[in-house]
Each structure stands twice: as structure tokens, then as C-alpha cells.
Amino acid sequence: MRTEATPHIHPTPIPFAAPWQYELTFPCDPRGPRIARTTLRAILAAHHLAELSYRAELLASELATNSVQHAKGPAAVRLQWLHPVLRVSVWDLSPDMPKPYAPPANPDAEAGRGLAILELVADRWGGCAIGEGPYGPGGKTIWFELALRTGPPPPALAN
């Protein structure tokens, strides 16, 4: 008796310019930022956005590490694509917003440069505190955006 193999039907991949989002929640664990970086890298590679990967990994790692060190609770990383912009948000349970960047008193300090890196590397960034409400815990979200460079760089602005 011969049986015919039924073809597997897979959904059509999302078009490059179509919006999508992924979210990863992780516990307050020092392995969380590394897992977030690895996941982010895999998502961007699968969506053919590897050129954004280095900057996205650097910034997401900074924010996720701050969440693990200071929030003492779970955190989440969300990637949202709205062509040509990738927005990465990091949420944690701490409502305390980061203090504005001030150069560390000791130039050899191992910490205190996260917001400076965010300011230099991200195309845009911001954040907001979230009050606890009927739908869940509060905390804060810090986000950054990276734009896909699709053409020549914009001309320098005249002073």
C-alpha cells in the first residue's frame, strides 16, 4: 500500500516592511541580559536586520543589566519593528528612573556610563515610570530606537 506524503503548509513569512513584535521576560538573574542579547540577535538575523544587531545588543544589554542589578525583580525586553525603525524597550519593576548622565568622578569607574552610551548609540531614546494599576505591576520602561539606514546619510545641518 502506497501512501502519499501530505505537504506541510507553513504560513508565509512576514514581509520585510510589515510590523512585528517579540517579547522576552526573564527573572532577576545575572544570565538574563546574555539570554536577552542572544534572543535579540536571533530575531534580528531571522528578519534580515543583522546590521542593527551590534547597536541593539549593546544597548539592550546595558538596560537589561541595569534592570537585573537595580530592580530586584523580573524584567522584559520587547522588540518592535515598524519599517524602517526598530524599537527596543526594557521594562522592570522599579519605578525609579535613571538619573541623567554625569561623568563619573573617577575616570576608571566600572559603572555609570550606560546613559552616555544610550545617548551616543541610539537614534532616539526615552522612558517612563508606570504606576501600579488594576492590570498589573508598575515599574518603568526605558526604550531606544534604531533606524535602518536605507540610503546615503542625511546632509549635515547648517549652524
Protein backbone atom coordinates (compact mmCIF):
# COMPACT_ATOMS: atom_id res chain seq x y z
CA MET A 1 0.00 0.00 0.00
CA ARG A 2 1.41 3.33 -1.02
CA THR A 3 0.65 6.47 0.94
CA GLU A 4 1.17 9.92 -0.42
CA ALA A 5 3.01 12.34 1.79
CA THR A 6 0.90 15.33 2.59
CA PRO A 7 2.77 18.56 2.10
CA HIS A 8 3.34 20.64 5.19
CA ILE A 9 1.73 24.01 4.85
CA HIS A 10 3.67 26.80 6.51
CA PRO A 11 2.50 30.36 6.88
CA THR A 12 4.03 32.89 4.58
CA PRO A 13 6.87 34.82 6.26
CA ILE A 14 6.04 38.34 7.34
CA PRO A 15 7.12 40.80 4.61
CA PHE A 16 10.23 42.82 5.45
CA ALA A 17 8.36 46.12 5.85
CA ALA A 18 5.43 44.64 7.81
CA PRO A 19 5.29 45.39 11.55
CA TRP A 20 6.06 42.72 14.16
CA GLN A 21 6.98 42.43 17.83
CA TYR A 22 8.56 39.90 20.17
CA GLU A 23 8.86 39.96 23.94
CA LEU A 24 11.08 38.05 26.35
CA THR A 25 10.51 38.11 30.11
CA PHE A 26 13.31 36.95 32.39
CA PRO A 27 13.83 36.66 36.16
CA CYS A 28 16.24 38.73 38.21
CA ASP A 29 19.19 36.57 37.25
CA PRO A 30 22.64 37.61 36.02
CA ARG A 31 22.17 35.32 32.99
CA GLY A 32 19.13 37.33 31.85
CA PRO A 33 20.97 40.04 29.88
CA ARG A 34 23.02 37.43 27.97
CA ILE A 35 19.87 35.47 27.13
CA ALA A 36 18.19 38.70 26.01
CA ARG A 37 21.17 39.55 23.75
CA THR A 38 21.20 36.08 22.21
CA THR A 39 17.45 36.18 21.60
CA LEU A 40 17.64 39.67 20.13
CA ARG A 41 20.45 38.62 17.79
CA ALA A 42 18.47 35.58 16.59
CA ILE A 43 15.33 37.64 15.95
CA LEU A 44 17.18 40.33 14.01
CA ALA A 45 19.05 37.74 11.94
CA ALA A 46 15.81 35.89 11.14
CA HIS A 47 14.23 39.16 9.96
CA HIS A 48 17.33 40.13 7.92
CA LEU A 49 18.16 43.06 10.20
CA ALA A 50 21.62 41.93 11.27
CA GLU A 51 23.04 45.37 10.50
CA LEU A 52 21.14 46.69 13.56
CA SER A 53 22.27 43.82 15.76
CA TYR A 54 25.50 45.22 17.23
CA ARG A 55 23.98 48.51 18.39
CA ALA A 56 20.76 46.84 19.55
CA GLU A 57 22.65 44.20 21.54
CA LEU A 58 24.91 46.78 23.19
CA LEU A 59 22.03 48.99 24.30
CA ALA A 60 19.66 46.19 25.28
CA SER A 61 22.46 44.63 27.32
CA GLU A 62 23.07 47.92 29.17
CA LEU A 63 19.39 48.31 30.00
CA ALA A 64 18.80 44.65 30.90
CA THR A 65 21.89 44.62 33.13
CA ASN A 66 20.64 47.72 34.95
CA SER A 67 17.28 46.01 35.46
CA VAL A 68 18.90 42.90 36.96
CA GLN A 69 21.22 44.94 39.18
CA HIS A 70 18.77 47.54 40.44
CA ALA A 71 15.16 46.35 40.06
CA LYS A 72 15.42 43.09 42.04
CA GLY A 73 12.53 41.52 40.15
CA PRO A 74 11.60 40.24 36.71
CA ALA A 75 12.33 42.26 33.59
CA ALA A 76 11.23 42.11 29.97
CA VAL A 77 12.74 43.08 26.62
CA ARG A 78 10.38 43.89 23.76
CA LEU A 79 11.42 44.33 20.13
CA GLN A 80 9.04 46.19 17.84
CA TRP A 81 9.63 46.70 14.12
CA LEU A 82 7.87 49.43 12.20
CA HIS A 83 9.85 49.80 8.99
CA PRO A 84 12.44 51.36 8.99
CA VAL A 85 12.67 51.68 12.79
CA LEU A 86 13.43 49.07 15.44
CA ARG A 87 12.27 49.98 18.95
CA VAL A 88 13.65 48.01 21.87
CA SER A 89 12.02 48.51 25.27
CA VAL A 90 13.22 47.17 28.61
CA TRP A 91 10.70 47.02 31.44
CA ASP A 92 11.35 46.27 35.09
CA LEU A 93 9.52 46.57 38.41
CA SER A 94 11.49 49.54 39.74
CA PRO A 95 9.68 52.86 39.27
CA ASP A 96 12.99 54.72 39.73
CA MET A 97 14.03 56.41 36.52
CA PRO A 98 17.75 56.56 35.76
CA LYS A 99 19.48 59.74 36.77
CA PRO A 100 20.75 61.98 33.97
CA TYR A 101 24.26 61.14 32.87
CA ALA A 102 27.07 62.87 34.72
CA PRO A 103 30.66 61.83 34.08
CA PRO A 104 31.94 59.64 36.93
CA ALA A 105 34.24 61.39 39.36
CA ASN A 106 36.73 58.57 38.90
CA PRO A 107 37.58 58.05 35.20
CA ASP A 108 38.46 54.41 35.98
CA ALA A 109 34.99 53.68 37.41
CA GLU A 110 33.45 50.48 36.06
CA ALA A 111 29.87 51.79 36.08
CA GLY A 112 27.91 54.93 35.39
CA ARG A 113 28.24 55.26 31.64
CA GLY A 114 25.06 53.49 30.48
CA LEU A 115 23.06 56.63 29.68
CA ALA A 116 26.02 58.16 27.85
CA ILE A 117 26.24 55.04 25.68
CA LEU A 118 22.48 55.20 25.09
CA GLU A 119 22.73 58.85 24.09
CA LEU A 120 25.63 58.22 21.70
CA VAL A 121 24.44 55.00 20.04
CA ALA A 122 20.63 55.22 19.84
CA ASP A 123 18.89 57.30 17.22
CA ARG A 124 16.22 58.17 19.82
CA TRP A 125 15.53 57.04 23.36
CA GLY A 126 13.32 57.78 26.32
CA GLY A 127 11.48 56.22 29.19
CA CYS A 128 8.57 56.49 31.55
CA ALA A 129 7.57 55.33 35.02
CA ILE A 130 4.47 53.18 35.15
CA GLY A 131 2.26 53.30 38.22
CA GLU A 132 0.87 50.04 39.57
CA GLY A 133 -2.67 49.58 38.41
CA PRO A 134 -5.53 47.12 38.12
CA TYR A 135 -3.87 45.40 35.15
CA GLY A 136 -0.55 44.60 36.72
CA PRO A 137 2.60 45.82 38.38
CA GLY A 138 4.07 49.20 37.70
CA GLY A 139 7.74 49.86 37.21
CA LYS A 140 9.35 51.66 34.34
CA THR A 141 10.14 51.23 30.68
CA ILE A 142 13.26 52.58 29.01
CA TRP A 143 13.27 52.36 25.21
CA PHE A 144 15.53 53.17 22.31
CA GLU A 145 15.10 53.30 18.56
CA LEU A 146 17.49 52.39 15.77
CA ALA A 147 16.67 53.38 12.22
CA LEU A 148 17.65 51.20 9.31
CA ARG A 149 19.94 53.16 7.04
CA THR A 150 18.37 52.78 3.62
CA GLY A 151 20.25 55.38 1.62
CA PRO A 152 23.04 57.90 1.84
CA PRO A 153 23.44 59.62 5.20
CA PRO A 154 21.42 62.84 5.60
CA PRO A 155 23.29 66.07 4.93
CA ALA A 156 24.80 67.82 7.94
CA LEU A 157 22.65 70.58 9.35
CA ALA A 158 23.98 74.09 8.95
CA ASN A 159 24.52 76.05 12.16
